[in-house]
Each structure stands twice: as C-alpha cells, then as structure tokens.
Amino acid sequence: MLGKHFPDRRRRGGRSWIFAFALGVLSCLLMLLTLVWTNIERVDTSYFITRTHEEIAERKDHMAKLEVEKERLLTPHELRQNAVKYGMHEPFPGQIRRME
C-alpha cells in the first residue's frame, strides 16, 4: 500500500545518489585542478625568487669590480700617466687661488 501512494519516491532515491556522486567527482576534479594550479604558481614564484637572487649577486660582484677599477684609476701613478698623456702639468706658483 505504501508503494501505491509513493511510487516516485523510490525512483528519486535511486537517482539522487548518482547526482551526489557526480557532484562529488566534480568537486574532486575542481580541487585537483586548484592544487595543480597552485603548485605551478609556487614553482614559478620560486624560480623568479632564485633568478632575482642570482641577479643581485651578479650586480654586487660587478659593483665590487668597478670599485677596484675606480681605486686603481685614482692612484697617483695612474693620474700622472694620464696627465702626461693628455698634456697636463702641475700648476705653477701663482696659478692656484684659495678661497675661503
């Protein structure tokens, strides 16, 4: 007698688990896609950070080399050689003006 009054209830119950299963599978796929995307972003960010650290180290090395070159060019011996090369000489007495 219950079967006559509620004939559609059994059919809906049979179909609802399929809907729930499909929803669960779609949710899992969405979570997996999100997980893969975040891992790709993490690796990309890690690569960017590593490359930036390498670039900073290269620039520091280059700055150190430039400082050494600057100090070498400012030595008195090097300055005298460049002065002779460009026709310069030390000032004669009376050519220097001191201002206070």
PDB file of N, CA and C in Angstrom:
ATOM      1  N   MET A   1       0.814  -1.189   0.000  1.00  0.00           N
ATOM      2  CA  MET A   1       0.000   0.000   0.000  1.00  0.00           C
ATOM      3  C   MET A   1       0.866   1.265   0.000  1.00  0.00           C
ATOM      4  N   LEU A   2       1.962   1.277   0.705  1.00  0.00           N
ATOM      5  CA  LEU A   2       2.848   2.431   0.680  1.00  0.00           C
ATOM      6  C   LEU A   2       3.432   2.629  -0.708  1.00  0.00           C
ATOM      7  N   GLY A   3       3.663   1.536  -1.425  1.00  0.00           N
ATOM      8  CA  GLY A   3       4.207   1.615  -2.775  1.00  0.00           C
ATOM      9  C   GLY A   3       3.268   2.329  -3.723  1.00  0.00           C
ATOM     10  N   LYS A   4       1.951   2.166  -3.513  1.00  0.00           N
ATOM     11  CA  LYS A   4       0.995   2.831  -4.384  1.00  0.00           C
ATOM     12  C   LYS A   4       0.955   4.339  -4.150  1.00  0.00           C
ATOM     13  N   HIS A   5       1.069   4.755  -2.910  1.00  0.00           N
ATOM     14  CA  HIS A   5       0.951   6.174  -2.590  1.00  0.00           C
ATOM     15  C   HIS A   5       2.230   6.945  -2.896  1.00  0.00           C
ATOM     16  N   PHE A   6       3.383   6.302  -2.827  1.00  0.00           N
ATOM     17  CA  PHE A   6       4.664   6.971  -3.061  1.00  0.00           C
ATOM     18  C   PHE A   6       5.483   6.228  -4.121  1.00  0.00           C
ATOM     19  N   PRO A   7       4.976   6.146  -5.347  1.00  0.00           N
ATOM     20  CA  PRO A   7       5.719   5.379  -6.353  1.00  0.00           C
ATOM     21  C   PRO A   7       6.981   6.106  -6.840  1.00  0.00           C
ATOM     22  N   ASP A   8       6.977   7.431  -6.844  1.00  0.00           N
ATOM     23  CA  ASP A   8       8.120   8.183  -7.368  1.00  0.00           C
ATOM     24  C   ASP A   8       9.253   8.311  -6.344  1.00  0.00           C
ATOM     25  N   ARG A   9       8.961   8.052  -5.100  1.00  0.00           N
ATOM     26  CA  ARG A   9       9.964   8.233  -4.070  1.00  0.00           C
ATOM     27  C   ARG A   9      11.137   7.273  -4.262  1.00  0.00           C
ATOM     28  N   ARG A  10      10.884   6.060  -4.656  1.00  0.00           N
ATOM     29  CA  ARG A  10      11.957   5.093  -4.876  1.00  0.00           C
ATOM     30  C   ARG A  10      12.816   5.516  -6.069  1.00  0.00           C
ATOM     31  N   ARG A  11      12.212   6.018  -7.080  1.00  0.00           N
ATOM     32  CA  ARG A  11      12.969   6.418  -8.262  1.00  0.00           C
ATOM     33  C   ARG A  11      13.860   7.623  -7.971  1.00  0.00           C
ATOM     34  N   ARG A  12      13.354   8.598  -7.247  1.00  0.00           N
ATOM     35  CA  ARG A  12      14.168   9.760  -6.890  1.00  0.00           C
ATOM     36  C   ARG A  12      15.325   9.354  -6.014  1.00  0.00           C
ATOM     37  N   GLY A  13      15.078   8.473  -5.083  1.00  0.00           N
ATOM     38  CA  GLY A  13      16.148   7.999  -4.211  1.00  0.00           C
ATOM     39  C   GLY A  13      17.221   7.293  -5.015  1.00  0.00           C
ATOM     40  N   GLY A  14      16.861   6.603  -6.053  1.00  0.00           N
ATOM     41  CA  GLY A  14      17.821   5.927  -6.897  1.00  0.00           C
ATOM     42  C   GLY A  14      18.631   6.896  -7.734  1.00  0.00           C
ATOM     43  N   ARG A  15      18.032   7.989  -8.114  1.00  0.00           N
ATOM     44  CA  ARG A  15      18.740   8.974  -8.943  1.00  0.00           C
ATOM     45  C   ARG A  15      19.530   9.976  -8.102  1.00  0.00           C
ATOM     46  N   SER A  16      19.157  10.205  -6.895  1.00  0.00           N
ATOM     47  CA  SER A  16      19.830  11.217  -6.081  1.00  0.00           C
ATOM     48  C   SER A  16      21.261  10.808  -5.751  1.00  0.00           C
ATOM     49  N   TRP A  17      21.531   9.523  -5.578  1.00  0.00           N
ATOM     50  CA  TRP A  17      22.913   9.118  -5.280  1.00  0.00           C
ATOM     51  C   TRP A  17      23.802   9.332  -6.499  1.00  0.00           C
ATOM     52  N   ILE A  18      23.232   9.212  -7.703  1.00  0.00           N
ATOM     53  CA  ILE A  18      24.015   9.481  -8.914  1.00  0.00           C
ATOM     54  C   ILE A  18      24.374  10.966  -8.975  1.00  0.00           C
ATOM     55  N   PHE A  19      23.392  11.804  -8.657  1.00  0.00           N
ATOM     56  CA  PHE A  19      23.644  13.247  -8.631  1.00  0.00           C
ATOM     57  C   PHE A  19      24.702  13.599  -7.586  1.00  0.00           C
ATOM     58  N   ALA A  20      24.593  13.016  -6.401  1.00  0.00           N
ATOM     59  CA  ALA A  20      25.566  13.272  -5.333  1.00  0.00           C
ATOM     60  C   ALA A  20      26.952  12.773  -5.739  1.00  0.00           C
ATOM     61  N   PHE A  21      27.005  11.610  -6.373  1.00  0.00           N
ATOM     62  CA  PHE A  21      28.283  11.057  -6.823  1.00  0.00           C
ATOM     63  C   PHE A  21      28.913  11.960  -7.891  1.00  0.00           C
ATOM     64  N   ALA A  22      28.104  12.421  -8.839  1.00  0.00           N
ATOM     65  CA  ALA A  22      28.608  13.309  -9.893  1.00  0.00           C
ATOM     66  C   ALA A  22      29.085  14.628  -9.298  1.00  0.00           C
ATOM     67  N   LEU A  23      28.351  15.146  -8.333  1.00  0.00           N
ATOM     68  CA  LEU A  23      28.758  16.373  -7.665  1.00  0.00           C
ATOM     69  C   LEU A  23      30.069  16.170  -6.910  1.00  0.00           C
ATOM     70  N   GLY A  24      30.222  15.028  -6.264  1.00  0.00           N
ATOM     71  CA  GLY A  24      31.473  14.718  -5.559  1.00  0.00           C
ATOM     72  C   GLY A  24      32.650  14.595  -6.515  1.00  0.00           C
ATOM     73  N   VAL A  25      32.433  13.948  -7.655  1.00  0.00           N
ATOM     74  CA  VAL A  25      33.507  13.810  -8.647  1.00  0.00           C
ATOM     75  C   VAL A  25      33.899  15.171  -9.192  1.00  0.00           C
ATOM     76  N   LEU A  26      32.906  16.013  -9.499  1.00  0.00           N
ATOM     77  CA  LEU A  26      33.215  17.353  -9.986  1.00  0.00           C
ATOM     78  C   LEU A  26      33.954  18.181  -8.942  1.00  0.00           C
ATOM     79  N   SER A  27      33.567  18.026  -7.687  1.00  0.00           N
ATOM     80  CA  SER A  27      34.262  18.743  -6.616  1.00  0.00           C
ATOM     81  C   SER A  27      35.712  18.285  -6.512  1.00  0.00           C
ATOM     82  N   CYS A  28      35.934  16.982  -6.598  1.00  0.00           N
ATOM     83  CA  CYS A  28      37.309  16.454  -6.554  1.00  0.00           C
ATOM     84  C   CYS A  28      38.132  16.968  -7.724  1.00  0.00           C
ATOM     85  N   LEU A  29      37.542  16.968  -8.914  1.00  0.00           N
ATOM     86  CA  LEU A  29      38.259  17.476 -10.079  1.00  0.00           C
ATOM     87  C   LEU A  29      38.607  18.953  -9.921  1.00  0.00           C
ATOM     88  N   LEU A  30      37.682  19.715  -9.386  1.00  0.00           N
ATOM     89  CA  LEU A  30      37.934  21.134  -9.158  1.00  0.00           C
ATOM     90  C   LEU A  30      39.054  21.333  -8.133  1.00  0.00           C
ATOM     91  N   MET A  31      39.049  20.558  -7.064  1.00  0.00           N
ATOM     92  CA  MET A  31      40.112  20.662  -6.061  1.00  0.00           C
ATOM     93  C   MET A  31      41.463  20.250  -6.637  1.00  0.00           C
ATOM     94  N   LEU A  32      41.473  19.195  -7.458  1.00  0.00           N
ATOM     95  CA  LEU A  32      42.725  18.762  -8.081  1.00  0.00           C
ATOM     96  C   LEU A  32      43.255  19.818  -9.043  1.00  0.00           C
ATOM     97  N   LEU A  33      42.374  20.427  -9.801  1.00  0.00           N
ATOM     98  CA  LEU A  33      42.781  21.484 -10.708  1.00  0.00           C
ATOM     99  C   LEU A  33      43.355  22.672  -9.932  1.00  0.00           C
ATOM    100  N   THR A  34      42.723  23.026  -8.840  1.00  0.00           N
ATOM    101  CA  THR A  34      43.221  24.105  -7.991  1.00  0.00           C
ATOM    102  C   THR A  34      44.580  23.750  -7.399  1.00  0.00           C
ATOM    103  N   LEU A  35      44.745  22.513  -6.968  1.00  0.00           N
ATOM    104  CA  LEU A  35      46.022  22.069  -6.410  1.00  0.00           C
ATOM    105  C   LEU A  35      47.137  22.150  -7.445  1.00  0.00           C
ATOM    106  N   VAL A  36      46.867  21.696  -8.656  1.00  0.00           N
ATOM    107  CA  VAL A  36      47.873  21.756  -9.719  1.00  0.00           C
ATOM    108  C   VAL A  36      48.211  23.202 -10.044  1.00  0.00           C
ATOM    109  N   TRP A  37      47.216  24.051 -10.131  1.00  0.00           N
ATOM    110  CA  TRP A  37      47.451  25.460 -10.440  1.00  0.00           C
ATOM    111  C   TRP A  37      48.304  26.127  -9.354  1.00  0.00           C
ATOM    112  N   THR A  38      48.006  25.871  -8.084  1.00  0.00           N
ATOM    113  CA  THR A  38      48.792  26.482  -7.017  1.00  0.00           C
ATOM    114  C   THR A  38      50.223  25.944  -7.014  1.00  0.00           C
ATOM    115  N   ASN A  39      50.417  24.677  -7.335  1.00  0.00           N
ATOM    116  CA  ASN A  39      51.784  24.145  -7.414  1.00  0.00           C
ATOM    117  C   ASN A  39      52.560  24.788  -8.553  1.00  0.00           C
ATOM    118  N   ILE A  40      51.914  25.006  -9.683  1.00  0.00           N
ATOM    119  CA  ILE A  40      52.581  25.674 -10.799  1.00  0.00           C
ATOM    120  C   ILE A  40      52.964  27.101 -10.408  1.00  0.00           C
ATOM    121  N   GLU A  41      52.064  27.796  -9.755  1.00  0.00           N
ATOM    122  CA  GLU A  41      52.363  29.154  -9.305  1.00  0.00           C
ATOM    123  C   GLU A  41      53.501  29.166  -8.288  1.00  0.00           C
ATOM    124  N   ARG A  42      53.526  28.185  -7.393  1.00  0.00           N
ATOM    125  CA  ARG A  42      54.597  28.100  -6.394  1.00  0.00           C
ATOM    126  C   ARG A  42      55.946  27.891  -7.059  1.00  0.00           C
ATOM    127  N   VAL A  43      55.998  26.997  -8.034  1.00  0.00           N
ATOM    128  CA  VAL A  43      57.253  26.740  -8.742  1.00  0.00           C
ATOM    129  C   VAL A  43      57.678  27.978  -9.525  1.00  0.00           C
ATOM    130  N   ASP A  44      56.740  28.646 -10.153  1.00  0.00           N
ATOM    131  CA  ASP A  44      57.045  29.861 -10.910  1.00  0.00           C
ATOM    132  C   ASP A  44      57.593  30.951  -9.994  1.00  0.00           C
ATOM    133  N   THR A  45      56.977  31.125  -8.847  1.00  0.00           N
ATOM    134  CA  THR A  45      57.440  32.120  -7.883  1.00  0.00           C
ATOM    135  C   THR A  45      58.819  31.754  -7.348  1.00  0.00           C
ATOM    136  N   SER A  46      59.038  30.492  -7.074  1.00  0.00           N
ATOM    137  CA  SER A  46      60.342  30.037  -6.594  1.00  0.00           C
ATOM    138  C   SER A  46      61.424  30.307  -7.636  1.00  0.00           C
ATOM    139  N   TYR A  47      61.131  30.038  -8.896  1.00  0.00           N
ATOM    140  CA  TYR A  47      62.092  30.307  -9.968  1.00  0.00           C
ATOM    141  C   TYR A  47      62.394  31.799 -10.047  1.00  0.00           C
ATOM    142  N   PHE A  48      61.359  32.640  -9.959  1.00  0.00           N
ATOM    143  CA  PHE A  48      61.542  34.081 -10.011  1.00  0.00           C
ATOM    144  C   PHE A  48      62.419  34.570  -8.860  1.00  0.00           C
ATOM    145  N   ILE A  49      62.182  34.050  -7.663  1.00  0.00           N
ATOM    146  CA  ILE A  49      62.974  34.451  -6.496  1.00  0.00           C
ATOM    147  C   ILE A  49      64.425  34.019  -6.669  1.00  0.00           C
ATOM    148  N   THR A  50      64.648  32.794  -7.145  1.00  0.00           N
ATOM    149  CA  THR A  50      66.014  32.302  -7.354  1.00  0.00           C
ATOM    150  C   THR A  50      66.736  33.151  -8.389  1.00  0.00           C
ATOM    151  N   ARG A  51      66.058  33.450  -9.490  1.00  0.00           N
ATOM    152  CA  ARG A  51      66.676  34.270 -10.547  1.00  0.00           C
ATOM    153  C   ARG A  51      66.989  35.667 -10.033  1.00  0.00           C
ATOM    154  N   THR A  52      66.131  36.231  -9.204  1.00  0.00           N
ATOM    155  CA  THR A  52      66.367  37.565  -8.648  1.00  0.00           C
ATOM    156  C   THR A  52      67.570  37.545  -7.715  1.00  0.00           C
ATOM    157  N   HIS A  53      67.710  36.497  -6.892  1.00  0.00           N
ATOM    158  CA  HIS A  53      68.879  36.384  -6.014  1.00  0.00           C
ATOM    159  C   HIS A  53      70.163  36.285  -6.833  1.00  0.00           C
ATOM    160  N   GLU A  54      70.127  35.528  -7.932  1.00  0.00           N
ATOM    161  CA  GLU A  54      71.303  35.406  -8.792  1.00  0.00           C
ATOM    162  C   GLU A  54      71.660  36.747  -9.423  1.00  0.00           C
ATOM    163  N   GLU A  55      70.650  37.479  -9.848  1.00  0.00           N
ATOM    164  CA  GLU A  55      70.894  38.785 -10.457  1.00  0.00           C
ATOM    165  C   GLU A  55      71.483  39.763  -9.443  1.00  0.00           C
ATOM    166  N   ILE A  56      71.005  39.727  -8.222  1.00  0.00           N
ATOM    167  CA  ILE A  56      71.545  40.592  -7.174  1.00  0.00           C
ATOM    168  C   ILE A  56      73.006  40.247  -6.910  1.00  0.00           C
ATOM    169  N   ALA A  57      73.327  38.959  -6.847  1.00  0.00           N
ATOM    170  CA  ALA A  57      74.719  38.543  -6.621  1.00  0.00           C
ATOM    171  C   ALA A  57      75.617  38.998  -7.773  1.00  0.00           C
ATOM    172  N   GLU A  58      75.131  38.879  -9.005  1.00  0.00           N
ATOM    173  CA  GLU A  58      75.909  39.336 -10.157  1.00  0.00           C
ATOM    174  C   GLU A  58      76.164  40.836 -10.090  1.00  0.00           C
ATOM    175  N   ARG A  59      75.160  41.598  -9.713  1.00  0.00           N
ATOM    176  CA  ARG A  59      75.324  43.055  -9.621  1.00  0.00           C
ATOM    177  C   ARG A  59      76.288  43.439  -8.506  1.00  0.00           C
ATOM    178  N   LYS A  60      76.250  42.719  -7.389  1.00  0.00           N
ATOM    179  CA  LYS A  60      77.195  43.003  -6.305  1.00  0.00           C
ATOM    180  C   LYS A  60      78.630  42.716  -6.755  1.00  0.00           C
ATOM    181  N   ASP A  61      78.817  41.612  -7.473  1.00  0.00           N
ATOM    182  CA  ASP A  61      80.150  41.292  -7.999  1.00  0.00           C
ATOM    183  C   ASP A  61      80.627  42.376  -8.958  1.00  0.00           C
ATOM    184  N   HIS A  62      79.724  42.811  -9.821  1.00  0.00           N
ATOM    185  CA  HIS A  62      80.083  43.852 -10.788  1.00  0.00           C
ATOM    186  C   HIS A  62      80.434  45.154 -10.079  1.00  0.00           C
ATOM    187  N   MET A  63      79.671  45.515  -9.047  1.00  0.00           N
ATOM    188  CA  MET A  63      79.967  46.734  -8.280  1.00  0.00           C
ATOM    189  C   MET A  63      81.316  46.643  -7.597  1.00  0.00           C
ATOM    190  N   ALA A  64      81.653  45.466  -7.061  1.00  0.00           N
ATOM    191  CA  ALA A  64      82.948  45.294  -6.414  1.00  0.00           C
ATOM    192  C   ALA A  64      84.083  45.471  -7.427  1.00  0.00           C
ATOM    193  N   LYS A  65      83.911  44.913  -8.632  1.00  0.00           N
ATOM    194  CA  LYS A  65      84.930  45.071  -9.678  1.00  0.00           C
ATOM    195  C   LYS A  65      85.070  46.530 -10.098  1.00  0.00           C
ATOM    196  N   LEU A  66      83.946  47.240 -10.189  1.00  0.00           N
ATOM    197  CA  LEU A  66      84.007  48.654 -10.546  1.00  0.00           C
ATOM    198  C   LEU A  66      84.697  49.482  -9.466  1.00  0.00           C
ATOM    199  N   GLU A  67      84.469  49.153  -8.211  1.00  0.00           N
ATOM    200  CA  GLU A  67      85.149  49.863  -7.107  1.00  0.00           C
ATOM    201  C   GLU A  67      86.658  49.657  -7.188  1.00  0.00           C
ATOM    202  N   VAL A  68      87.081  48.422  -7.471  1.00  0.00           N
ATOM    203  CA  VAL A  68      88.514  48.144  -7.591  1.00  0.00           C
ATOM    204  C   VAL A  68      89.103  48.935  -8.757  1.00  0.00           C
ATOM    205  N   GLU A  69      88.401  48.973  -9.875  1.00  0.00           N
ATOM    206  CA  GLU A  69      88.879  49.718 -11.048  1.00  0.00           C
ATOM    207  C   GLU A  69      88.952  51.212 -10.750  1.00  0.00           C
ATOM    208  N   LYS A  70      87.960  51.739 -10.039  1.00  0.00           N
ATOM    209  CA  LYS A  70      87.968  53.160  -9.671  1.00  0.00           C
ATOM    210  C   LYS A  70      89.167  53.485  -8.790  1.00  0.00           C
ATOM    211  N   GLU A  71      89.420  52.639  -7.801  1.00  0.00           N
ATOM    212  CA  GLU A  71      90.567  52.865  -6.916  1.00  0.00           C
ATOM    213  C   GLU A  71      91.884  52.800  -7.683  1.00  0.00           C
ATOM    214  N   ARG A  72      91.966  51.895  -8.660  1.00  0.00           N
ATOM    215  CA  ARG A  72      93.190  51.790  -9.458  1.00  0.00           C
ATOM    216  C   ARG A  72      93.396  53.050 -10.290  1.00  0.00           C
ATOM    217  N   LEU A  73      92.311  53.578 -10.880  1.00  0.00           N
ATOM    218  CA  LEU A  73      92.431  54.774 -11.702  1.00  0.00           C
ATOM    219  C   LEU A  73      92.751  56.028 -10.893  1.00  0.00           C
ATOM    220  N   LEU A  74      92.446  56.028  -9.617  1.00  0.00           N
ATOM    221  CA  LEU A  74      92.708  57.202  -8.777  1.00  0.00           C
ATOM    222  C   LEU A  74      94.062  57.162  -8.077  1.00  0.00           C
ATOM    223  N   THR A  75      94.864  56.167  -8.349  1.00  0.00           N
ATOM    224  CA  THR A  75      96.206  56.127  -7.737  1.00  0.00           C
ATOM    225  C   THR A  75      97.049  57.261  -8.318  1.00  0.00           C
ATOM    226  N   PRO A  76      97.981  57.825  -7.534  1.00  0.00           N
ATOM    227  CA  PRO A  76      98.815  58.932  -8.037  1.00  0.00           C
ATOM    228  C   PRO A  76      99.607  58.556  -9.298  1.00  0.00           C
ATOM    229  N   HIS A  77     100.117  57.349  -9.350  1.00  0.00           N
ATOM    230  CA  HIS A  77     100.892  56.928 -10.510  1.00  0.00           C
ATOM    231  C   HIS A  77     100.028  56.952 -11.780  1.00  0.00           C
ATOM    232  N   GLU A  78      98.831  56.419 -11.691  1.00  0.00           N
ATOM    233  CA  GLU A  78      97.918  56.395 -12.843  1.00  0.00           C
ATOM    234  C   GLU A  78      97.495  57.806 -13.225  1.00  0.00           C
ATOM    235  N   LEU A  79      97.256  58.670 -12.242  1.00  0.00           N
ATOM    236  CA  LEU A  79      96.878  60.053 -12.539  1.00  0.00           C
ATOM    237  C   LEU A  79      98.012  60.789 -13.248  1.00  0.00           C
ATOM    238  N   ARG A  80      99.269  60.578 -12.835  1.00  0.00           N
ATOM    239  CA  ARG A  80     100.415  61.210 -13.505  1.00  0.00           C
ATOM    240  C   ARG A  80     100.521  60.739 -14.955  1.00  0.00           C
ATOM    241  N   GLN A  81     100.337  59.442 -15.168  1.00  0.00           N
ATOM    242  CA  GLN A  81     100.416  58.907 -16.528  1.00  0.00           C
ATOM    243  C   GLN A  81      99.325  59.507 -17.425  1.00  0.00           C
ATOM    244  N   ASN A  82      98.134  59.614 -16.915  1.00  0.00           N
ATOM    245  CA  ASN A  82      97.042  60.196 -17.702  1.00  0.00           C
ATOM    246  C   ASN A  82      97.270  61.685 -17.949  1.00  0.00           C
ATOM    247  N   ALA A  83      97.844  62.392 -16.973  1.00  0.00           N
ATOM    248  CA  ALA A  83      98.132  63.825 -17.152  1.00  0.00           C
ATOM    249  C   ALA A  83      99.149  64.024 -18.265  1.00  0.00           C
ATOM    250  N   VAL A  84     100.199  63.232 -18.281  1.00  0.00           N
ATOM    251  CA  VAL A  84     101.210  63.325 -19.346  1.00  0.00           C
ATOM    252  C   VAL A  84     100.570  62.983 -20.694  1.00  0.00           C
ATOM    253  N   LYS A  85      99.750  61.969 -20.713  1.00  0.00           N
ATOM    254  CA  LYS A  85      99.102  61.532 -21.949  1.00  0.00           C
ATOM    255  C   LYS A  85      98.219  62.635 -22.541  1.00  0.00           C
ATOM    256  N   TYR A  86      97.560  63.421 -21.699  1.00  0.00           N
ATOM    257  CA  TYR A  86      96.657  64.470 -22.165  1.00  0.00           C
ATOM    258  C   TYR A  86      97.301  65.859 -22.153  1.00  0.00           C
ATOM    259  N   GLY A  87      98.604  65.923 -21.929  1.00  0.00           N
ATOM    260  CA  GLY A  87      99.319  67.198 -21.998  1.00  0.00           C
ATOM    261  C   GLY A  87      99.089  68.106 -20.815  1.00  0.00           C
ATOM    262  N   MET A  88      98.825  67.564 -19.690  1.00  0.00           N
ATOM    263  CA  MET A  88      98.583  68.375 -18.484  1.00  0.00           C
ATOM    264  C   MET A  88      99.868  68.409 -17.656  1.00  0.00           C
ATOM    265  N   HIS A  89      99.997  69.424 -16.808  1.00  0.00           N
ATOM    266  CA  HIS A  89     101.157  69.537 -15.923  1.00  0.00           C
ATOM    267  C   HIS A  89     100.709  70.119 -14.597  1.00  0.00           C
ATOM    268  N   GLU A  90     101.593  70.087 -13.628  1.00  0.00           N
ATOM    269  CA  GLU A  90     101.264  70.651 -12.316  1.00  0.00           C
ATOM    270  C   GLU A  90     101.172  72.164 -12.448  1.00  0.00           C
ATOM    271  N   PRO A  91     100.341  72.801 -11.639  1.00  0.00           N
ATOM    272  CA  PRO A  91     100.209  74.258 -11.737  1.00  0.00           C
ATOM    273  C   PRO A  91     101.487  74.961 -11.257  1.00  0.00           C
ATOM    274  N   PHE A  92     101.779  76.071 -11.899  1.00  0.00           N
ATOM    275  CA  PHE A  92     102.926  76.874 -11.492  1.00  0.00           C
ATOM    276  C   PHE A  92     102.542  77.692 -10.271  1.00  0.00           C
ATOM    277  N   PRO A  93     103.542  78.192  -9.527  1.00  0.00           N
ATOM    278  CA  PRO A  93     103.215  79.038  -8.385  1.00  0.00           C
ATOM    279  C   PRO A  93     102.436  80.279  -8.868  1.00  0.00           C
ATOM    280  N   GLY A  94     101.424  80.636  -8.170  1.00  0.00           N
ATOM    281  CA  GLY A  94     100.606  81.781  -8.515  1.00  0.00           C
ATOM    282  C   GLY A  94      99.367  81.403  -9.330  1.00  0.00           C
ATOM    283  N   GLN A  95      99.304  80.183  -9.822  1.00  0.00           N
ATOM    284  CA  GLN A  95      98.129  79.755 -10.582  1.00  0.00           C
ATOM    285  C   GLN A  95      97.020  79.227  -9.677  1.00  0.00           C
ATOM    286  N   ILE A  96      97.354  78.938  -8.452  1.00  0.00           N
ATOM    287  CA  ILE A  96      96.373  78.396  -7.514  1.00  0.00           C
ATOM    288  C   ILE A  96      95.746  79.517  -6.722  1.00  0.00           C
ATOM    289  N   ARG A  97      94.457  79.597  -6.691  1.00  0.00           N
ATOM    290  CA  ARG A  97      93.721  80.608  -5.924  1.00  0.00           C
ATOM    291  C   ARG A  97      92.988  79.877  -4.808  1.00  0.00           C
ATOM    292  N   ARG A  98      93.177  80.335  -3.635  1.00  0.00           N
ATOM    293  CA  ARG A  98      92.493  79.740  -2.482  1.00  0.00           C
ATOM    294  C   ARG A  98      91.355  80.648  -2.048  1.00  0.00           C
ATOM    295  N   MET A  99      90.199  80.085  -1.887  1.00  0.00           N
ATOM    296  CA  MET A  99      89.034  80.860  -1.474  1.00  0.00           C
ATOM    297  C   MET A  99      88.519  80.322  -0.146  1.00  0.00           C
ATOM    298  N   GLU A 100      88.128  81.216   0.698  1.00  0.00           N
ATOM    299  CA  GLU A 100      87.611  80.820   1.995  1.00  0.00           C
ATOM    300  C   GLU A 100      86.189  81.243   2.154  1.00  0.00           C
TER     301      GLU A 100
END
